[in-house]
PDB file of N, CA and C in Angstrom:
ATOM      1  N   UNK A   1     -51.665-134.161 145.470  1.00  0.00           N
ATOM      2  CA  UNK A   1     -51.928-133.090 146.412  1.00  0.00           C
ATOM      3  C   UNK A   1     -51.200-131.835 145.956  1.00  0.00           C
ATOM      4  N   UNK A   2     -51.908-130.736 145.931  1.00  0.00           N
ATOM      5  CA  UNK A   2     -51.360-129.474 145.473  1.00  0.00           C
ATOM      6  C   UNK A   2     -50.990-128.621 146.678  1.00  0.00           C
ATOM      7  N   UNK A   3     -49.697-128.251 146.757  1.00  0.00           N
ATOM      8  CA  UNK A   3     -49.249-127.369 147.831  1.00  0.00           C
ATOM      9  C   UNK A   3     -49.392-125.928 147.372  1.00  0.00           C
ATOM     10  N   UNK A   4     -50.058-125.110 148.166  1.00  0.00           N
ATOM     11  CA  UNK A   4     -50.250-123.705 147.843  1.00  0.00           C
ATOM     12  C   UNK A   4     -49.484-122.857 148.856  1.00  0.00           C
ATOM     13  N   UNK A   5     -48.695-121.956 148.339  1.00  0.00           N
ATOM     14  CA  UNK A   5     -47.895-121.066 149.185  1.00  0.00           C
ATOM     15  C   UNK A   5     -48.439-119.657 149.029  1.00  0.00           C
ATOM     16  N   UNK A   6     -49.433-119.316 149.831  1.00  0.00           N
ATOM     17  CA  UNK A   6     -50.149-118.059 149.685  1.00  0.00           C
ATOM     18  C   UNK A   6     -49.337-116.833 150.077  1.00  0.00           C
ATOM     19  N   UNK A   7     -48.315-116.985 150.900  1.00  0.00           N
ATOM     20  CA  UNK A   7     -47.543-115.825 151.346  1.00  0.00           C
ATOM     21  C   UNK A   7     -46.429-115.437 150.372  1.00  0.00           C
ATOM     22  N   UNK A   8     -46.154-116.250 149.382  1.00  0.00           N
ATOM     23  CA  UNK A   8     -45.069-115.980 148.436  1.00  0.00           C
ATOM     24  C   UNK A   8     -45.514-114.926 147.423  1.00  0.00           C
ATOM     25  N   UNK A   9     -44.753-113.827 147.328  1.00  0.00           N
ATOM     26  CA  UNK A   9     -45.072-112.730 146.410  1.00  0.00           C
ATOM     27  C   UNK A   9     -44.092-112.647 145.245  1.00  0.00           C
ATOM     28  N   UNK A  10     -42.879-113.144 145.457  1.00  0.00           N
ATOM     29  CA  UNK A  10     -41.852-113.086 144.421  1.00  0.00           C
ATOM     30  C   UNK A  10     -41.204-114.460 144.297  1.00  0.00           C
ATOM     31  N   UNK A  11     -40.887-114.841 143.043  1.00  0.00           N
ATOM     32  CA  UNK A  11     -40.245-116.132 142.827  1.00  0.00           C
ATOM     33  C   UNK A  11     -39.191-115.994 141.730  1.00  0.00           C
ATOM     34  N   UNK A  12     -38.157-116.783 141.887  1.00  0.00           N
ATOM     35  CA  UNK A  12     -37.084-116.858 140.908  1.00  0.00           C
ATOM     36  C   UNK A  12     -37.013-118.306 140.437  1.00  0.00           C
ATOM     37  N   UNK A  13     -37.215-118.525 139.146  1.00  0.00           N
ATOM     38  CA  UNK A  13     -37.322-119.872 138.607  1.00  0.00           C
ATOM     39  C   UNK A  13     -36.120-120.204 137.724  1.00  0.00           C
ATOM     40  N   UNK A  14     -35.565-121.371 137.990  1.00  0.00           N
ATOM     41  CA  UNK A  14     -34.489-121.895 137.150  1.00  0.00           C
ATOM     42  C   UNK A  14     -34.983-123.066 136.315  1.00  0.00           C
ATOM     43  N   UNK A  15     -36.049-123.708 136.758  1.00  0.00           N
ATOM     44  CA  UNK A  15     -36.607-124.853 136.041  1.00  0.00           C
ATOM     45  C   UNK A  15     -38.028-125.084 136.534  1.00  0.00           C
ATOM     46  N   UNK A  16     -39.009-124.967 135.670  1.00  0.00           N
ATOM     47  CA  UNK A  16     -40.404-125.129 136.095  1.00  0.00           C
ATOM     48  C   UNK A  16     -40.742-126.569 136.433  1.00  0.00           C
ATOM     49  N   UNK A  17     -40.036-127.521 135.865  1.00  0.00           N
ATOM     50  CA  UNK A  17     -40.365-128.930 136.085  1.00  0.00           C
ATOM     51  C   UNK A  17     -40.306-129.290 137.565  1.00  0.00           C
ATOM     52  N   UNK A  18     -39.398-128.676 138.295  1.00  0.00           N
ATOM     53  CA  UNK A  18     -39.291-128.913 139.739  1.00  0.00           C
ATOM     54  C   UNK A  18     -40.597-128.573 140.443  1.00  0.00           C
ATOM     55  N   UNK A  19     -41.201-127.447 140.082  1.00  0.00           N
ATOM     56  CA  UNK A  19     -42.445-127.018 140.712  1.00  0.00           C
ATOM     57  C   UNK A  19     -43.618-127.885 140.277  1.00  0.00           C
ATOM     58  N   UNK A  20     -43.652-128.231 138.997  1.00  0.00           N
ATOM     59  CA  UNK A  20     -44.753-129.044 138.482  1.00  0.00           C
ATOM     60  C   UNK A  20     -44.702-130.450 139.072  1.00  0.00           C
ATOM     61  N   UNK A  21     -43.508-131.032 139.133  1.00  0.00           N
ATOM     62  CA  UNK A  21     -43.361-132.374 139.701  1.00  0.00           C
ATOM     63  C   UNK A  21     -43.794-132.424 141.162  1.00  0.00           C
ATOM     64  N   UNK A  22     -43.606-131.348 141.870  1.00  0.00           N
ATOM     65  CA  UNK A  22     -43.975-131.308 143.296  1.00  0.00           C
ATOM     66  C   UNK A  22     -45.371-130.746 143.524  1.00  0.00           C
ATOM     67  N   UNK A  23     -46.080-130.454 142.466  1.00  0.00           N
ATOM     68  CA  UNK A  23     -47.439-129.907 142.548  1.00  0.00           C
ATOM     69  C   UNK A  23     -47.492-128.643 143.404  1.00  0.00           C
ATOM     70  N   UNK A  24     -46.631-127.705 143.094  1.00  0.00           N
ATOM     71  CA  UNK A  24     -46.580-126.435 143.814  1.00  0.00           C
ATOM     72  C   UNK A  24     -47.392-125.399 143.045  1.00  0.00           C
ATOM     73  N   UNK A  25     -48.241-124.663 143.771  1.00  0.00           N
ATOM     74  CA  UNK A  25     -48.986-123.567 143.172  1.00  0.00           C
ATOM     75  C   UNK A  25     -48.774-122.323 144.022  1.00  0.00           C
ATOM     76  N   UNK A  26     -48.443-121.229 143.369  1.00  0.00           N
ATOM     77  CA  UNK A  26     -48.122-119.972 144.051  1.00  0.00           C
ATOM     78  C   UNK A  26     -49.144-118.914 143.642  1.00  0.00           C
ATOM     79  N   UNK A  27     -50.286-118.841 144.329  1.00  0.00           N
ATOM     80  CA  UNK A  27     -51.405-118.022 143.877  1.00  0.00           C
ATOM     81  C   UNK A  27     -51.219-116.508 144.004  1.00  0.00           C
ATOM     82  N   UNK A  28     -50.278-116.051 144.818  1.00  0.00           N
ATOM     83  CA  UNK A  28     -50.141-114.614 145.049  1.00  0.00           C
ATOM     84  C   UNK A  28     -48.854-114.004 144.527  1.00  0.00           C
ATOM     85  N   UNK A  29     -48.138-114.734 143.708  1.00  0.00           N
ATOM     86  CA  UNK A  29     -46.900-114.206 143.132  1.00  0.00           C
ATOM     87  C   UNK A  29     -47.228-113.081 142.163  1.00  0.00           C
ATOM     88  N   UNK A  30     -46.530-111.938 142.322  1.00  0.00           N
ATOM     89  CA  UNK A  30     -46.696-110.851 141.369  1.00  0.00           C
ATOM     90  C   UNK A  30     -45.367-110.386 140.770  1.00  0.00           C
ATOM     91  N   UNK A  31     -44.260-111.003 141.212  1.00  0.00           N
ATOM     92  CA  UNK A  31     -42.948-110.719 140.635  1.00  0.00           C
ATOM     93  C   UNK A  31     -42.263-112.040 140.283  1.00  0.00           C
ATOM     94  N   UNK A  32     -41.819-112.147 139.040  1.00  0.00           N
ATOM     95  CA  UNK A  32     -41.224-113.383 138.550  1.00  0.00           C
ATOM     96  C   UNK A  32     -39.903-113.085 137.857  1.00  0.00           C
ATOM     97  N   UNK A  33     -38.876-113.851 138.226  1.00  0.00           N
ATOM     98  CA  UNK A  33     -37.588-113.802 137.532  1.00  0.00           C
ATOM     99  C   UNK A  33     -37.312-115.189 136.984  1.00  0.00           C
ATOM    100  N   UNK A  34     -36.973-115.249 135.705  1.00  0.00           N
ATOM    101  CA  UNK A  34     -36.682-116.516 135.032  1.00  0.00           C
ATOM    102  C   UNK A  34     -35.202-116.544 134.691  1.00  0.00           C
ATOM    103  N   UNK A  35     -34.510-117.593 135.147  1.00  0.00           N
ATOM    104  CA  UNK A  35     -33.071-117.729 134.915  1.00  0.00           C
ATOM    105  C   UNK A  35     -32.782-118.919 134.028  1.00  0.00           C
ATOM    106  N   UNK A  36     -32.027-118.699 132.982  1.00  0.00           N
ATOM    107  CA  UNK A  36     -31.469-119.757 132.135  1.00  0.00           C
ATOM    108  C   UNK A  36     -32.412-120.908 131.837  1.00  0.00           C
ATOM    109  N   UNK A  37     -33.618-120.575 131.470  1.00  0.00           N
ATOM    110  CA  UNK A  37     -34.596-121.582 131.070  1.00  0.00           C
ATOM    111  C   UNK A  37     -34.898-121.396 129.596  1.00  0.00           C
ATOM    112  N   UNK A  38     -35.250-122.459 128.961  1.00  0.00           N
ATOM    113  CA  UNK A  38     -35.704-122.369 127.581  1.00  0.00           C
ATOM    114  C   UNK A  38     -37.174-121.979 127.562  1.00  0.00           C
ATOM    115  N   UNK A  39     -37.930-122.577 126.705  1.00  0.00           N
ATOM    116  CA  UNK A  39     -39.342-122.260 126.578  1.00  0.00           C
ATOM    117  C   UNK A  39     -40.130-122.875 127.729  1.00  0.00           C
ATOM    118  N   UNK A  40     -40.543-122.041 128.662  1.00  0.00           N
ATOM    119  CA  UNK A  40     -41.298-122.534 129.818  1.00  0.00           C
ATOM    120  C   UNK A  40     -42.632-121.822 129.972  1.00  0.00           C
ATOM    121  N   UNK A  41     -42.951-120.926 129.066  1.00  0.00           N
ATOM    122  CA  UNK A  41     -44.148-120.109 129.230  1.00  0.00           C
ATOM    123  C   UNK A  41     -45.426-120.932 129.341  1.00  0.00           C
ATOM    124  N   UNK A  42     -45.496-122.091 128.688  1.00  0.00           N
ATOM    125  CA  UNK A  42     -46.696-122.920 128.793  1.00  0.00           C
ATOM    126  C   UNK A  42     -46.797-123.583 130.162  1.00  0.00           C
ATOM    127  N   UNK A  43     -45.686-123.837 130.798  1.00  0.00           N
ATOM    128  CA  UNK A  43     -45.678-124.469 132.118  1.00  0.00           C
ATOM    129  C   UNK A  43     -45.929-123.481 133.246  1.00  0.00           C
ATOM    130  N   UNK A  44     -45.620-122.228 133.023  1.00  0.00           N
ATOM    131  CA  UNK A  44     -45.721-121.235 134.098  1.00  0.00           C
ATOM    132  C   UNK A  44     -47.123-121.102 134.662  1.00  0.00           C
ATOM    133  N   UNK A  45     -48.122-121.143 133.808  1.00  0.00           N
ATOM    134  CA  UNK A  45     -49.495-120.959 134.276  1.00  0.00           C
ATOM    135  C   UNK A  45     -49.958-122.085 135.193  1.00  0.00           C
ATOM    136  N   UNK A  46     -49.243-123.200 135.201  1.00  0.00           N
ATOM    137  CA  UNK A  46     -49.577-124.305 136.094  1.00  0.00           C
ATOM    138  C   UNK A  46     -49.091-124.064 137.520  1.00  0.00           C
ATOM    139  N   UNK A  47     -48.143-123.130 137.693  1.00  0.00           N
ATOM    140  CA  UNK A  47     -47.603-122.892 139.031  1.00  0.00           C
ATOM    141  C   UNK A  47     -47.914-121.504 139.575  1.00  0.00           C
ATOM    142  N   UNK A  48     -48.344-120.577 138.708  1.00  0.00           N
ATOM    143  CA  UNK A  48     -48.731-119.248 139.192  1.00  0.00           C
ATOM    144  C   UNK A  48     -49.654-118.585 138.184  1.00  0.00           C
ATOM    145  N   UNK A  49     -50.544-117.714 138.657  1.00  0.00           N
ATOM    146  CA  UNK A  49     -51.467-117.028 137.754  1.00  0.00           C
ATOM    147  C   UNK A  49     -50.754-115.877 137.039  1.00  0.00           C
ATOM    148  N   UNK A  50     -50.467-116.054 135.772  1.00  0.00           N
ATOM    149  CA  UNK A  50     -49.702-115.070 135.014  1.00  0.00           C
ATOM    150  C   UNK A  50     -50.404-113.727 134.905  1.00  0.00           C
ATOM    151  N   UNK A  51     -51.699-113.732 134.940  1.00  0.00           N
ATOM    152  CA  UNK A  51     -52.446-112.485 134.757  1.00  0.00           C
ATOM    153  C   UNK A  51     -52.170-111.458 135.862  1.00  0.00           C
ATOM    154  N   UNK A  52     -51.762-111.906 137.036  1.00  0.00           N
ATOM    155  CA  UNK A  52     -51.535-110.959 138.125  1.00  0.00           C
ATOM    156  C   UNK A  52     -50.084-110.493 138.236  1.00  0.00           C
ATOM    157  N   UNK A  53     -49.200-110.995 137.380  1.00  0.00           N
ATOM    158  CA  UNK A  53     -47.810-110.534 137.430  1.00  0.00           C
ATOM    159  C   UNK A  53     -47.720-109.059 137.078  1.00  0.00           C
ATOM    160  N   UNK A  54     -46.956-108.318 137.867  1.00  0.00           N
ATOM    161  CA  UNK A  54     -46.717-106.926 137.509  1.00  0.00           C
ATOM    162  C   UNK A  54     -45.237-106.637 137.275  1.00  0.00           C
ATOM    163  N   UNK A  55     -44.377-107.616 137.564  1.00  0.00           N
ATOM    164  CA  UNK A  55     -42.950-107.457 137.301  1.00  0.00           C
ATOM    165  C   UNK A  55     -42.404-108.776 136.758  1.00  0.00           C
ATOM    166  N   UNK A  56     -41.719-108.694 135.623  1.00  0.00           N
ATOM    167  CA  UNK A  56     -41.156-109.868 134.975  1.00  0.00           C
ATOM    168  C   UNK A  56     -39.729-109.569 134.551  1.00  0.00           C
ATOM    169  N   UNK A  57     -38.811-110.416 135.003  1.00  0.00           N
ATOM    170  CA  UNK A  57     -37.407-110.301 134.613  1.00  0.00           C
ATOM    171  C   UNK A  57     -36.998-111.623 133.981  1.00  0.00           C
ATOM    172  N   UNK A  58     -36.461-111.549 132.789  1.00  0.00           N
ATOM    173  CA  UNK A  58     -35.969-112.744 132.104  1.00  0.00           C
ATOM    174  C   UNK A  58     -34.455-112.619 132.005  1.00  0.00           C
ATOM    175  N   UNK A  59     -33.771-113.511 132.673  1.00  0.00           N
ATOM    176  CA  UNK A  59     -32.315-113.520 132.707  1.00  0.00           C
ATOM    177  C   UNK A  59     -31.848-114.814 132.043  1.00  0.00           C
ATOM    178  N   UNK A  60     -32.082-114.883 130.744  1.00  0.00           N
ATOM    179  CA  UNK A  60     -31.784-116.109 130.023  1.00  0.00           C
ATOM    180  C   UNK A  60     -31.589-115.821 128.551  1.00  0.00           C
ATOM    181  N   UNK A  61     -30.489-116.277 128.007  1.00  0.00           N
ATOM    182  CA  UNK A  61     -30.306-116.134 126.559  1.00  0.00           C
ATOM    183  C   UNK A  61     -30.925-117.306 125.808  1.00  0.00           C
ATOM    184  N   UNK A  62     -31.428-118.306 126.528  1.00  0.00           N
ATOM    185  CA  UNK A  62     -32.093-119.454 125.913  1.00  0.00           C
ATOM    186  C   UNK A  62     -33.559-119.163 125.597  1.00  0.00           C
ATOM    187  N   UNK A  63     -34.129-118.170 126.253  1.00  0.00           N
ATOM    188  CA  UNK A  63     -35.541-117.845 126.096  1.00  0.00           C
ATOM    189  C   UNK A  63     -35.769-117.223 124.720  1.00  0.00           C
ATOM    190  N   UNK A  64     -36.660-117.811 123.938  1.00  0.00           N
ATOM    191  CA  UNK A  64     -36.903-117.319 122.583  1.00  0.00           C
ATOM    192  C   UNK A  64     -37.748-116.054 122.592  1.00  0.00           C
ATOM    193  N   UNK A  65     -37.463-115.172 121.638  1.00  0.00           N
ATOM    194  CA  UNK A  65     -38.177-113.908 121.532  1.00  0.00           C
ATOM    195  C   UNK A  65     -39.680-114.129 121.378  1.00  0.00           C
ATOM    196  N   UNK A  66     -40.060-115.122 120.582  1.00  0.00           N
ATOM    197  CA  UNK A  66     -41.477-115.448 120.375  1.00  0.00           C
ATOM    198  C   UNK A  66     -42.142-115.806 121.710  1.00  0.00           C
ATOM    199  N   UNK A  67     -41.436-116.546 122.560  1.00  0.00           N
ATOM    200  CA  UNK A  67     -41.986-116.926 123.860  1.00  0.00           C
ATOM    201  C   UNK A  67     -42.106-115.722 124.796  1.00  0.00           C
ATOM    202  N   UNK A  68     -41.171-114.797 124.679  1.00  0.00           N
ATOM    203  CA  UNK A  68     -41.263-113.565 125.471  1.00  0.00           C
ATOM    204  C   UNK A  68     -42.498-112.778 125.079  1.00  0.00           C
ATOM    205  N   UNK A  69     -42.745-112.639 123.795  1.00  0.00           N
ATOM    206  CA  UNK A  69     -43.936-111.924 123.336  1.00  0.00           C
ATOM    207  C   UNK A  69     -45.213-112.612 123.798  1.00  0.00           C
ATOM    208  N   UNK A  70     -45.252-113.939 123.718  1.00  0.00           N
ATOM    209  CA  UNK A  70     -46.424-114.682 124.198  1.00  0.00           C
ATOM    210  C   UNK A  70     -46.634-114.482 125.692  1.00  0.00           C
ATOM    211  N   UNK A  71     -45.562-114.479 126.446  1.00  0.00           N
ATOM    212  CA  UNK A  71     -45.649-114.294 127.890  1.00  0.00           C
ATOM    213  C   UNK A  71     -46.140-112.893 128.234  1.00  0.00           C
ATOM    214  N   UNK A  72     -45.629-111.897 127.558  1.00  0.00           N
ATOM    215  CA  UNK A  72     -46.080-110.524 127.778  1.00  0.00           C
ATOM    216  C   UNK A  72     -47.556-110.379 127.409  1.00  0.00           C
ATOM    217  N   UNK A  73     -47.975-111.072 126.392  1.00  0.00           N
ATOM    218  CA  UNK A  73     -49.362-111.004 125.940  1.00  0.00           C
ATOM    219  C   UNK A  73     -50.354-111.497 126.996  1.00  0.00           C
ATOM    220  N   UNK A  74     -49.966-112.459 127.823  1.00  0.00           N
ATOM    221  CA  UNK A  74     -50.887-112.995 128.833  1.00  0.00           C
ATOM    222  C   UNK A  74     -50.699-112.367 130.218  1.00  0.00           C
ATOM    223  N   UNK A  75     -49.706-111.522 130.367  1.00  0.00           N
ATOM    224  CA  UNK A  75     -49.497-110.834 131.652  1.00  0.00           C
ATOM    225  C   UNK A  75     -50.059-109.416 131.534  1.00  0.00           C
ATOM    226  N   UNK A  76     -51.361-109.328 131.625  1.00  0.00           N
ATOM    227  CA  UNK A  76     -52.068-108.071 131.368  1.00  0.00           C
ATOM    228  C   UNK A  76     -51.760-106.962 132.371  1.00  0.00           C
ATOM    229  N   UNK A  77     -51.345-107.307 133.571  1.00  0.00           N
ATOM    230  CA  UNK A  77     -51.049-106.306 134.597  1.00  0.00           C
ATOM    231  C   UNK A  77     -49.567-105.964 134.694  1.00  0.00           C
ATOM    232  N   UNK A  78     -48.799-106.376 133.705  1.00  0.00           N
ATOM    233  CA  UNK A  78     -47.358-106.166 133.716  1.00  0.00           C
ATOM    234  C   UNK A  78     -47.014-104.680 133.647  1.00  0.00           C
ATOM    235  N   UNK A  79     -46.231-104.236 134.629  1.00  0.00           N
ATOM    236  CA  UNK A  79     -45.800-102.833 134.680  1.00  0.00           C
ATOM    237  C   UNK A  79     -44.302-102.704 134.448  1.00  0.00           C
ATOM    238  N   UNK A  80     -43.548-103.740 134.834  1.00  0.00           N
ATOM    239  CA  UNK A  80     -42.097-103.720 134.695  1.00  0.00           C
ATOM    240  C   UNK A  80     -41.644-104.979 133.979  1.00  0.00           C
ATOM    241  N   UNK A  81     -40.846-104.772 132.931  1.00  0.00           N
ATOM    242  CA  UNK A  81     -40.281-105.886 132.191  1.00  0.00           C
ATOM    243  C   UNK A  81     -38.798-105.617 131.969  1.00  0.00           C
ATOM    244  N   UNK A  82     -37.992-106.638 132.218  1.00  0.00           N
ATOM    245  CA  UNK A  82     -36.558-106.506 132.014  1.00  0.00           C
ATOM    246  C   UNK A  82     -36.046-107.798 131.394  1.00  0.00           C
ATOM    247  N   UNK A  83     -35.267-107.654 130.334  1.00  0.00           N
ATOM    248  CA  UNK A  83     -34.665-108.809 129.669  1.00  0.00           C
ATOM    249  C   UNK A  83     -33.171-108.640 129.758  1.00  0.00           C
ATOM    250  N   UNK A  84     -32.522-109.493 130.514  1.00  0.00           N
ATOM    251  CA  UNK A  84     -31.093-109.417 130.753  1.00  0.00           C
ATOM    252  C   UNK A  84     -30.387-110.397 129.824  1.00  0.00           C
ATOM    253  N   UNK A  85     -29.552-109.861 128.956  1.00  0.00           N
ATOM    254  CA  UNK A  85     -28.767-110.685 128.043  1.00  0.00           C
ATOM    255  C   UNK A  85     -27.294-110.523 128.404  1.00  0.00           C
ATOM    256  N   UNK A  86     -26.685-111.579 128.850  1.00  0.00           N
ATOM    257  CA  UNK A  86     -25.248-111.508 129.151  1.00  0.00           C
ATOM    258  C   UNK A  86     -24.534-112.528 128.278  1.00  0.00           C
ATOM    259  N   UNK A  87     -23.529-112.084 127.590  1.00  0.00           N
ATOM    260  CA  UNK A  87     -22.792-112.940 126.675  1.00  0.00           C
ATOM    261  C   UNK A  87     -21.384-113.165 127.216  1.00  0.00           C
ATOM    262  N   UNK A  88     -21.307-113.967 128.252  1.00  0.00           N
ATOM    263  CA  UNK A  88     -20.004-114.263 128.865  1.00  0.00           C
ATOM    264  C   UNK A  88     -19.440-115.551 128.370  1.00  0.00           C
TER     265      UNK A  88
END
């Protein structure tokens, strides 16, 4: 059974597996923040439609540059992009 949360517009993800395991789909999300995740870009499309994202923030030094480029390539409506690198 797929749970759809139509009222959710913004999401902050720490691990996509949690959403996939619970069969969560977020059809109206347009703002996404990714925290401390590795390569998750292939899993993201299973929980939200990447094409409608207009704001993307990546707050992870584990995220590979190649994956960032791939993610930007499929987010055609992206207006704001921020990559936060903190070396603490």
